[in-house]
Amino acid sequence: MGYDEVKMKSMKDKMTVYDEFLKEYEYWKKHCGVKDKVQKKQRDRK
């Protein structure tokens, strides 16, 4: 596939950022009640 050391490091960095985001998102979702379908509810009001 042609993965070299630079591409693998870049992918690893992106996954680390994503993992950190996912942990924070799950925390907020659990403790603060993040709404998943905000757009649908706004559309239904009209």
N, C-alpha and C. Protein backbone atom coordinates (compact mmCIF):
# COMPACT_ATOMS: atom_id res chain seq x y z
N MET A 1 0.82 -1.19 0.00
CA MET A 1 0.00 0.00 0.00
C MET A 1 0.86 1.25 0.00
N GLY A 2 2.08 1.15 0.41
CA GLY A 2 2.96 2.30 0.35
C GLY A 2 2.95 3.16 1.60
N TYR A 3 2.77 2.56 2.75
CA TYR A 3 2.83 3.33 3.99
C TYR A 3 4.29 3.43 4.43
N ASP A 4 4.75 4.64 4.61
CA ASP A 4 6.10 4.83 5.13
C ASP A 4 6.01 5.35 6.55
N GLU A 5 7.14 5.59 7.14
CA GLU A 5 7.20 6.00 8.54
C GLU A 5 6.47 7.31 8.80
N VAL A 6 6.57 8.26 7.87
CA VAL A 6 5.93 9.57 8.03
C VAL A 6 4.41 9.43 8.00
N LYS A 7 3.88 8.65 7.06
CA LYS A 7 2.42 8.46 6.97
C LYS A 7 1.88 7.75 8.21
N MET A 8 2.61 6.75 8.69
CA MET A 8 2.15 6.03 9.87
C MET A 8 2.14 6.93 11.10
N LYS A 9 3.14 7.79 11.25
CA LYS A 9 3.19 8.72 12.37
C LYS A 9 2.02 9.69 12.29
N SER A 10 1.72 10.16 11.09
CA SER A 10 0.60 11.09 10.90
C SER A 10 -0.73 10.42 11.28
N MET A 11 -0.91 9.17 10.84
CA MET A 11 -2.14 8.45 11.17
C MET A 11 -2.25 8.22 12.67
N LYS A 12 -1.13 7.89 13.30
CA LYS A 12 -1.13 7.66 14.75
C LYS A 12 -1.50 8.94 15.50
N ASP A 13 -0.97 10.08 15.05
CA ASP A 13 -1.31 11.36 15.68
C ASP A 13 -2.79 11.67 15.53
N LYS A 14 -3.35 11.44 14.34
CA LYS A 14 -4.77 11.70 14.11
C LYS A 14 -5.65 10.81 14.98
N MET A 15 -5.28 9.56 15.15
CA MET A 15 -6.06 8.65 15.98
C MET A 15 -5.99 9.06 17.45
N THR A 16 -4.84 9.56 17.89
CA THR A 16 -4.70 10.03 19.27
C THR A 16 -5.64 11.20 19.52
N VAL A 17 -5.69 12.15 18.58
CA VAL A 17 -6.58 13.30 18.71
C VAL A 17 -8.03 12.83 18.73
N TYR A 18 -8.38 11.90 17.85
CA TYR A 18 -9.74 11.39 17.79
C TYR A 18 -10.12 10.68 19.09
N ASP A 19 -9.21 9.87 19.63
CA ASP A 19 -9.49 9.15 20.88
C ASP A 19 -9.73 10.13 22.02
N GLU A 20 -8.92 11.19 22.08
CA GLU A 20 -9.11 12.20 23.13
C GLU A 20 -10.45 12.90 22.97
N PHE A 21 -10.82 13.23 21.73
CA PHE A 21 -12.11 13.87 21.46
C PHE A 21 -13.25 12.95 21.87
N LEU A 22 -13.15 11.68 21.51
CA LEU A 22 -14.22 10.73 21.81
C LEU A 22 -14.42 10.57 23.31
N LYS A 23 -13.34 10.51 24.07
CA LYS A 23 -13.45 10.42 25.52
C LYS A 23 -14.16 11.64 26.09
N GLU A 24 -13.78 12.83 25.62
CA GLU A 24 -14.40 14.05 26.12
C GLU A 24 -15.87 14.13 25.72
N TYR A 25 -16.18 13.74 24.48
CA TYR A 25 -17.56 13.76 24.00
C TYR A 25 -18.44 12.81 24.81
N GLU A 26 -17.94 11.62 25.07
CA GLU A 26 -18.71 10.66 25.86
C GLU A 26 -18.95 11.18 27.28
N TYR A 27 -17.95 11.85 27.85
CA TYR A 27 -18.11 12.44 29.19
C TYR A 27 -19.22 13.48 29.17
N TRP A 28 -19.18 14.39 28.20
CA TRP A 28 -20.19 15.44 28.13
C TRP A 28 -21.57 14.86 27.84
N LYS A 29 -21.61 13.86 27.00
CA LYS A 29 -22.87 13.22 26.66
C LYS A 29 -23.49 12.58 27.91
N LYS A 30 -22.66 11.94 28.74
CA LYS A 30 -23.14 11.27 29.93
C LYS A 30 -23.53 12.26 31.02
N HIS A 31 -22.72 13.29 31.24
CA HIS A 31 -22.92 14.18 32.38
C HIS A 31 -23.73 15.42 32.07
N CYS A 32 -23.78 15.83 30.84
CA CYS A 32 -24.47 17.09 30.52
C CYS A 32 -25.64 16.89 29.56
N GLY A 33 -25.87 15.70 29.10
CA GLY A 33 -27.01 15.43 28.24
C GLY A 33 -26.91 16.06 26.87
N VAL A 34 -25.87 15.76 26.13
CA VAL A 34 -25.72 16.29 24.78
C VAL A 34 -26.83 15.70 23.92
N LYS A 35 -27.48 16.56 23.14
CA LYS A 35 -28.57 16.11 22.28
C LYS A 35 -28.00 15.67 20.93
N ASP A 36 -28.44 14.50 20.45
CA ASP A 36 -27.93 13.95 19.21
C ASP A 36 -28.65 14.49 17.98
N LYS A 37 -29.94 14.75 18.08
CA LYS A 37 -30.72 15.08 16.89
C LYS A 37 -31.33 16.47 17.01
N VAL A 38 -30.50 17.47 17.14
CA VAL A 38 -30.97 18.84 17.32
C VAL A 38 -31.65 19.35 16.05
N GLN A 39 -31.07 19.08 14.89
CA GLN A 39 -31.62 19.59 13.63
C GLN A 39 -33.00 19.03 13.36
N LYS A 40 -33.22 17.76 13.64
CA LYS A 40 -34.52 17.15 13.41
C LYS A 40 -35.58 17.80 14.28
N LYS A 41 -35.26 18.06 15.54
CA LYS A 41 -36.23 18.69 16.44
C LYS A 41 -36.56 20.10 15.98
N GLN A 42 -35.57 20.85 15.50
CA GLN A 42 -35.83 22.20 15.02
C GLN A 42 -36.70 22.17 13.78
N ARG A 43 -36.48 21.19 12.89
CA ARG A 43 -37.26 21.07 11.67
C ARG A 43 -38.70 20.70 12.00
N ASP A 44 -38.91 19.87 13.03
CA ASP A 44 -40.25 19.44 13.40
C ASP A 44 -41.07 20.59 14.00
N ARG A 45 -40.41 21.57 14.56
CA ARG A 45 -41.13 22.71 15.17
C ARG A 45 -41.81 23.58 14.13
N LYS A 46 -41.28 23.62 12.93
CA LYS A 46 -41.82 24.52 11.88
C LYS A 46 -43.13 24.06 11.35
